[in-house]
Amino acid sequence: MANRWRWLLILGMLTLGIRAEHSEDIIIDDPEDPRPMLRVGVSQTATPLVFVEDGVLRGLEMDLARELSQALDVELRVLPVPEPRLIEALRGGRIDLLLTQKEISTLHRQRLSASMPLFAVGQYAVVHQRNLTRFARLLDILISTARVGYQHTSTGARLVHRLMPQAIRVPFDTTAAGFDALRAQEIDLFVADAPDTWQLLANLEEQELVVLLEPLHREQLVWAVREQDVDLLEQIDAVITEWHATGRLSWLLKRWFPVTASLSD
């Protein structure tokens, strides 16, 4: 191949900056703080938005939660909750809000309300460099009869079943296992959620796999609250509006996702 693609970091996908020292420790609870408390539910498995490093929760989601609590002048309490139970915890009142990419209609059916969007995420196709010309267009992917991998229960899994009916579907327990299979030529393409591709793009030693820039599906990342918490939602929207207007949100993103891309021979 004449050109060797090396994706360092890509603006449209908010590519991950690995080092966690950008994020300060989060105060989980301070019994002497007289301010009202804001309880944010997080999944510790939602890398790279939130992860545990040296016993401390870190990541972009932690930075956003801290910034939001400061803007609202409330005490922040972060509650780790298993991913499948986050919505239940919010509806049941154990937490006050969570960060999600669920569709607005889905949240409404669960009697939840969504803030204005923070930024866009989605699902992307990951291929080996040898298959770049084979999957040059989005249509080539959608009508493909190739072996397509995805992670069990992920948004990518639902997308493959809905949009790629002719593909040979190959499920994996983890995205990492799917990427390994792609390198080993056991599959031809892997559909990954955006956070998983951020980690791949951030790996400067990656020489084989390429994330195709055109998303298969696009979603919005929002804060979700209970539908009766109208005042809280209005305050959150006001903060997000200010973040966009002042560039604060962009600044936070760039701390974790440096913006540059290169194509080298």
Protein backbone atom coordinates (compact mmCIF):
# COMPACT_ATOMS: atom_id res chain seq x y z
CA MET A 1 0.00 0.00 0.00
CA ALA A 2 1.49 3.33 -1.08
CA ASN A 3 0.28 5.25 1.90
CA ARG A 4 0.54 4.11 5.50
CA TRP A 5 -2.33 5.46 7.56
CA ARG A 6 -1.47 6.57 11.05
CA TRP A 7 -4.35 8.12 12.94
CA LEU A 8 -2.97 9.97 15.95
CA LEU A 9 -6.05 11.74 17.21
CA ILE A 10 -9.20 12.84 15.37
CA LEU A 11 -11.30 15.93 16.05
CA GLY A 12 -14.70 14.52 15.12
CA MET A 13 -14.25 11.56 17.46
CA LEU A 14 -12.82 13.33 20.50
CA THR A 15 -9.70 11.17 20.59
CA LEU A 16 -8.46 10.16 24.03
CA GLY A 17 -5.47 11.62 25.87
CA ILE A 18 -4.32 8.69 27.99
CA ARG A 19 -2.65 10.31 30.96
CA ALA A 20 -4.95 10.70 33.92
CA GLU A 21 -3.00 13.36 35.72
CA HIS A 22 -5.18 15.90 33.89
CA SER A 23 -8.00 14.96 36.23
CA GLU A 24 -7.99 15.95 39.88
CA ASP A 25 -9.24 13.66 42.61
CA ILE A 26 -12.99 13.83 43.15
CA ILE A 27 -14.28 14.54 46.65
CA ILE A 28 -16.80 11.76 47.17
CA ASP A 29 -18.33 13.08 50.37
CA ASP A 30 -17.52 15.80 52.89
CA PRO A 31 -19.70 15.62 56.02
CA GLU A 32 -18.73 19.21 56.94
CA ASP A 33 -19.86 20.69 53.64
CA PRO A 34 -23.12 22.61 54.29
CA ARG A 35 -24.09 22.85 50.61
CA PRO A 36 -26.75 20.69 48.95
CA MET A 37 -25.47 17.41 47.52
CA LEU A 38 -25.43 16.35 43.88
CA ARG A 39 -25.22 12.55 43.49
CA VAL A 40 -23.76 11.47 40.16
CA GLY A 41 -23.89 7.81 39.14
CA VAL A 42 -21.02 6.41 37.09
CA SER A 43 -20.01 3.05 35.71
CA GLN A 44 -16.39 2.20 36.44
CA THR A 45 -16.25 0.19 33.20
CA ALA A 46 -17.05 3.15 30.92
CA THR A 47 -13.41 3.68 29.91
CA PRO A 48 -12.20 6.21 28.92
CA LEU A 49 -14.99 8.47 30.19
CA VAL A 50 -14.46 7.16 33.70
CA PHE A 51 -12.02 4.63 35.09
CA VAL A 52 -10.18 3.71 38.28
CA GLU A 53 -6.52 4.58 38.59
CA ASP A 54 -4.67 3.98 41.85
CA GLY A 55 -8.02 3.56 43.57
CA VAL A 56 -9.31 6.94 42.35
CA LEU A 57 -12.08 7.58 39.84
CA ARG A 58 -10.75 9.63 36.94
CA GLY A 59 -11.66 10.55 33.40
CA LEU A 60 -13.55 13.12 31.37
CA GLU A 61 -16.83 12.26 33.10
CA MET A 62 -15.24 13.00 36.45
CA ASP A 63 -14.01 16.36 35.21
CA LEU A 64 -17.47 17.20 33.87
CA ALA A 65 -19.14 16.17 37.13
CA ARG A 66 -16.70 18.28 39.17
CA GLU A 67 -17.15 21.30 36.91
CA LEU A 68 -20.94 20.94 37.04
CA SER A 69 -21.03 20.72 40.83
CA GLN A 70 -18.83 23.80 41.11
CA ALA A 71 -21.03 25.74 38.69
CA LEU A 72 -24.16 24.76 40.66
CA ASP A 73 -22.41 25.41 44.01
CA VAL A 74 -23.27 21.97 45.38
CA GLU A 75 -21.28 19.21 47.03
CA LEU A 76 -20.40 16.42 44.62
CA ARG A 77 -20.93 12.80 45.55
CA VAL A 78 -19.92 10.21 42.95
CA LEU A 79 -21.56 6.81 43.30
CA PRO A 80 -20.16 3.89 41.28
CA VAL A 81 -23.04 1.77 39.96
CA PRO A 82 -22.86 -1.26 37.64
CA GLU A 83 -23.76 -0.20 34.10
CA PRO A 84 -26.98 -2.29 33.88
CA ARG A 85 -28.31 -0.68 37.09
CA LEU A 86 -27.59 2.97 36.39
CA ILE A 87 -31.03 3.79 35.00
CA GLU A 88 -32.72 1.93 37.86
CA ALA A 89 -30.59 3.87 40.37
CA LEU A 90 -31.64 7.16 38.79
CA ARG A 91 -35.33 6.32 38.60
CA GLY A 92 -35.27 5.01 42.15
CA GLY A 93 -33.68 8.16 43.57
CA ARG A 94 -30.32 6.73 44.60
CA ILE A 95 -28.58 9.17 42.27
CA ASP A 96 -29.60 12.52 40.80
CA LEU A 97 -28.12 12.31 37.32
CA LEU A 98 -25.93 10.27 35.00
CA LEU A 99 -24.11 10.75 31.72
CA THR A 100 -25.58 8.72 28.87
CA GLN A 101 -25.77 8.36 25.11
CA LYS A 102 -29.20 6.74 25.13
CA GLU A 103 -31.67 8.12 22.61
CA ILE A 104 -33.98 10.85 23.91
CA SER A 105 -37.07 8.78 23.07
CA THR A 106 -35.70 5.89 25.13
CA LEU A 107 -35.10 8.16 28.11
CA HIS A 108 -38.62 9.58 27.84
CA ARG A 109 -40.11 6.08 27.91
CA GLN A 110 -38.20 5.55 31.15
CA ARG A 111 -39.65 8.79 32.55
CA LEU A 112 -36.30 10.54 32.37
CA SER A 113 -35.34 13.87 30.84
CA ALA A 114 -32.19 14.74 28.90
CA SER A 115 -30.08 17.86 29.05
CA MET A 116 -28.94 19.68 25.97
CA PRO A 117 -26.12 17.70 24.29
CA LEU A 118 -22.56 17.95 25.52
CA PHE A 119 -21.02 16.46 22.38
CA ALA A 120 -21.61 13.81 19.73
CA VAL A 121 -20.56 10.17 19.98
CA GLY A 122 -21.43 7.15 17.87
CA GLN A 123 -20.37 3.80 16.45
CA TYR A 124 -17.50 3.37 14.02
CA ALA A 125 -16.10 0.62 11.84
CA VAL A 126 -12.59 -0.56 12.61
CA VAL A 127 -10.69 -2.40 9.88
CA HIS A 128 -7.23 -3.70 9.20
CA GLN A 129 -5.11 -1.55 6.90
CA ARG A 130 -5.20 -4.31 4.29
CA ASN A 131 -8.98 -3.84 3.98
CA LEU A 132 -9.11 -0.05 3.59
CA THR A 133 -10.01 -0.19 -0.09
CA ARG A 134 -12.53 -2.97 0.51
CA PHE A 135 -14.53 -0.78 2.91
CA ALA A 136 -13.90 2.59 1.28
CA ARG A 137 -17.55 3.71 1.43
CA LEU A 138 -20.23 3.45 4.08
CA LEU A 139 -22.36 1.52 1.58
CA ASP A 140 -19.58 -1.05 1.23
CA ILE A 141 -19.88 -1.72 4.94
CA LEU A 142 -23.67 -1.87 5.11
CA ILE A 143 -24.10 -4.35 2.23
CA SER A 144 -21.06 -6.42 3.11
CA THR A 145 -21.19 -10.21 3.51
CA ALA A 146 -17.92 -10.04 5.46
CA ARG A 147 -17.24 -11.34 8.95
CA VAL A 148 -18.26 -8.47 11.26
CA GLY A 149 -17.38 -8.47 14.93
CA TYR A 150 -19.00 -6.59 17.80
CA GLN A 151 -19.20 -6.74 21.59
CA HIS A 152 -22.12 -8.53 23.23
CA THR A 153 -24.96 -6.21 24.40
CA SER A 154 -23.26 -3.06 23.06
CA THR A 155 -24.90 -0.42 20.91
CA GLY A 156 -22.64 -1.66 18.14
CA ALA A 157 -24.21 -5.12 18.44
CA ARG A 158 -27.69 -3.74 17.90
CA LEU A 159 -26.43 -1.68 14.99
CA VAL A 160 -24.90 -4.69 13.23
CA HIS A 161 -28.13 -6.68 13.55
CA ARG A 162 -30.22 -3.78 12.26
CA LEU A 163 -28.09 -2.30 9.48
CA MET A 164 -25.92 -5.19 8.25
CA PRO A 165 -28.29 -8.11 7.59
CA GLN A 166 -25.99 -9.84 5.07
CA ALA A 167 -22.91 -9.84 7.29
CA ILE A 168 -21.58 -12.90 9.08
CA ARG A 169 -22.01 -11.76 12.68
CA VAL A 170 -19.26 -12.66 15.14
CA PRO A 171 -19.86 -11.61 18.78
CA PHE A 172 -17.08 -11.09 21.32
CA ASP A 173 -17.09 -10.74 25.10
CA THR A 174 -14.83 -7.69 24.94
CA THR A 175 -13.82 -5.11 22.37
CA ALA A 176 -10.16 -5.95 22.99
CA ALA A 177 -10.83 -9.55 21.95
CA GLY A 178 -12.48 -8.27 18.78
CA PHE A 179 -9.51 -6.07 17.94
CA ASP A 180 -7.17 -9.04 18.46
CA ALA A 181 -9.31 -11.12 16.10
CA LEU A 182 -9.17 -8.34 13.53
CA ARG A 183 -5.38 -8.29 13.68
CA ALA A 184 -5.32 -12.09 13.35
CA GLN A 185 -7.59 -11.91 10.25
CA GLU A 186 -10.28 -13.95 12.02
CA ILE A 187 -12.79 -11.22 11.17
CA ASP A 188 -12.84 -8.51 8.50
CA LEU A 189 -14.38 -5.58 10.38
CA PHE A 190 -15.30 -4.66 13.94
CA VAL A 191 -18.07 -2.23 14.94
CA ALA A 192 -17.09 -0.36 18.09
CA ASP A 193 -18.66 2.28 20.29
CA ALA A 194 -16.85 5.61 20.19
CA PRO A 195 -15.15 5.33 23.63
CA ASP A 196 -13.50 2.07 22.53
CA THR A 197 -12.16 3.68 19.37
CA TRP A 198 -10.73 6.57 21.39
CA GLN A 199 -8.44 4.17 23.20
CA LEU A 200 -7.39 2.54 19.94
CA LEU A 201 -6.63 5.90 18.33
CA ALA A 202 -4.66 7.02 21.36
CA ASN A 203 -2.31 4.05 21.08
CA LEU A 204 0.56 5.53 19.08
CA GLU A 205 2.10 2.08 18.72
CA GLU A 206 -0.92 0.78 16.79
CA GLN A 207 0.23 0.05 13.23
CA GLU A 208 -2.45 -2.32 11.92
CA LEU A 209 -5.96 -1.14 12.74
CA VAL A 210 -7.70 1.92 11.33
CA VAL A 211 -10.89 3.62 12.50
CA LEU A 212 -12.99 4.76 9.54
CA LEU A 213 -13.98 8.39 9.95
CA GLU A 214 -17.60 8.20 8.77
CA PRO A 215 -19.79 7.06 11.70
CA LEU A 216 -22.23 4.22 11.20
CA HIS A 217 -24.53 5.90 13.68
CA ARG A 218 -24.37 9.16 15.62
CA GLU A 219 -25.63 9.83 19.13
CA GLN A 220 -25.51 12.68 21.63
CA LEU A 221 -23.94 12.49 25.08
CA VAL A 222 -26.29 14.10 27.63
CA TRP A 223 -26.94 14.34 31.34
CA ALA A 224 -30.11 12.41 32.28
CA VAL A 225 -32.30 13.32 35.27
CA ARG A 226 -35.71 12.26 36.56
CA GLU A 227 -38.50 14.01 34.65
CA GLN A 228 -39.80 15.67 37.83
CA ASP A 229 -36.43 17.35 38.46
CA VAL A 230 -37.28 20.28 36.20
CA ASP A 231 -35.31 22.88 38.16
CA LEU A 232 -32.16 20.74 38.15
CA LEU A 233 -32.45 20.18 34.42
CA GLU A 234 -32.82 23.90 33.76
CA GLN A 235 -29.73 24.62 35.85
CA ILE A 236 -27.73 21.94 34.02
CA ASP A 237 -28.78 23.31 30.63
CA ALA A 238 -27.75 26.80 31.71
CA VAL A 239 -24.30 25.51 32.70
CA ILE A 240 -23.86 23.61 29.42
CA THR A 241 -24.93 26.70 27.47
CA GLU A 242 -22.29 28.73 29.29
CA TRP A 243 -19.66 26.03 28.70
CA HIS A 244 -20.33 26.16 24.98
CA ALA A 245 -20.38 29.98 24.88
CA THR A 246 -17.15 30.44 26.84
CA GLY A 247 -15.28 27.52 25.31
CA ARG A 248 -15.02 25.78 28.68
CA LEU A 249 -16.40 22.50 27.35
CA SER A 250 -13.99 22.56 24.42
CA TRP A 251 -11.14 23.22 26.84
CA LEU A 252 -12.14 20.25 29.00
CA LEU A 253 -12.36 17.97 25.99
CA LYS A 254 -8.97 19.02 24.66
CA ARG A 255 -7.35 18.23 28.00
CA TRP A 256 -8.32 14.60 27.40
CA PHE A 257 -8.63 14.57 23.61
CA PRO A 258 -5.83 16.56 21.91
CA VAL A 259 -6.90 17.59 18.44
CA THR A 260 -4.67 16.55 15.54
CA ALA A 261 -4.64 14.00 12.73
CA SER A 262 -2.00 12.98 10.24
CA LEU A 263 -1.69 10.92 7.08
CA SER A 264 1.87 9.91 6.31
CA ASP A 265 3.51 7.99 3.50
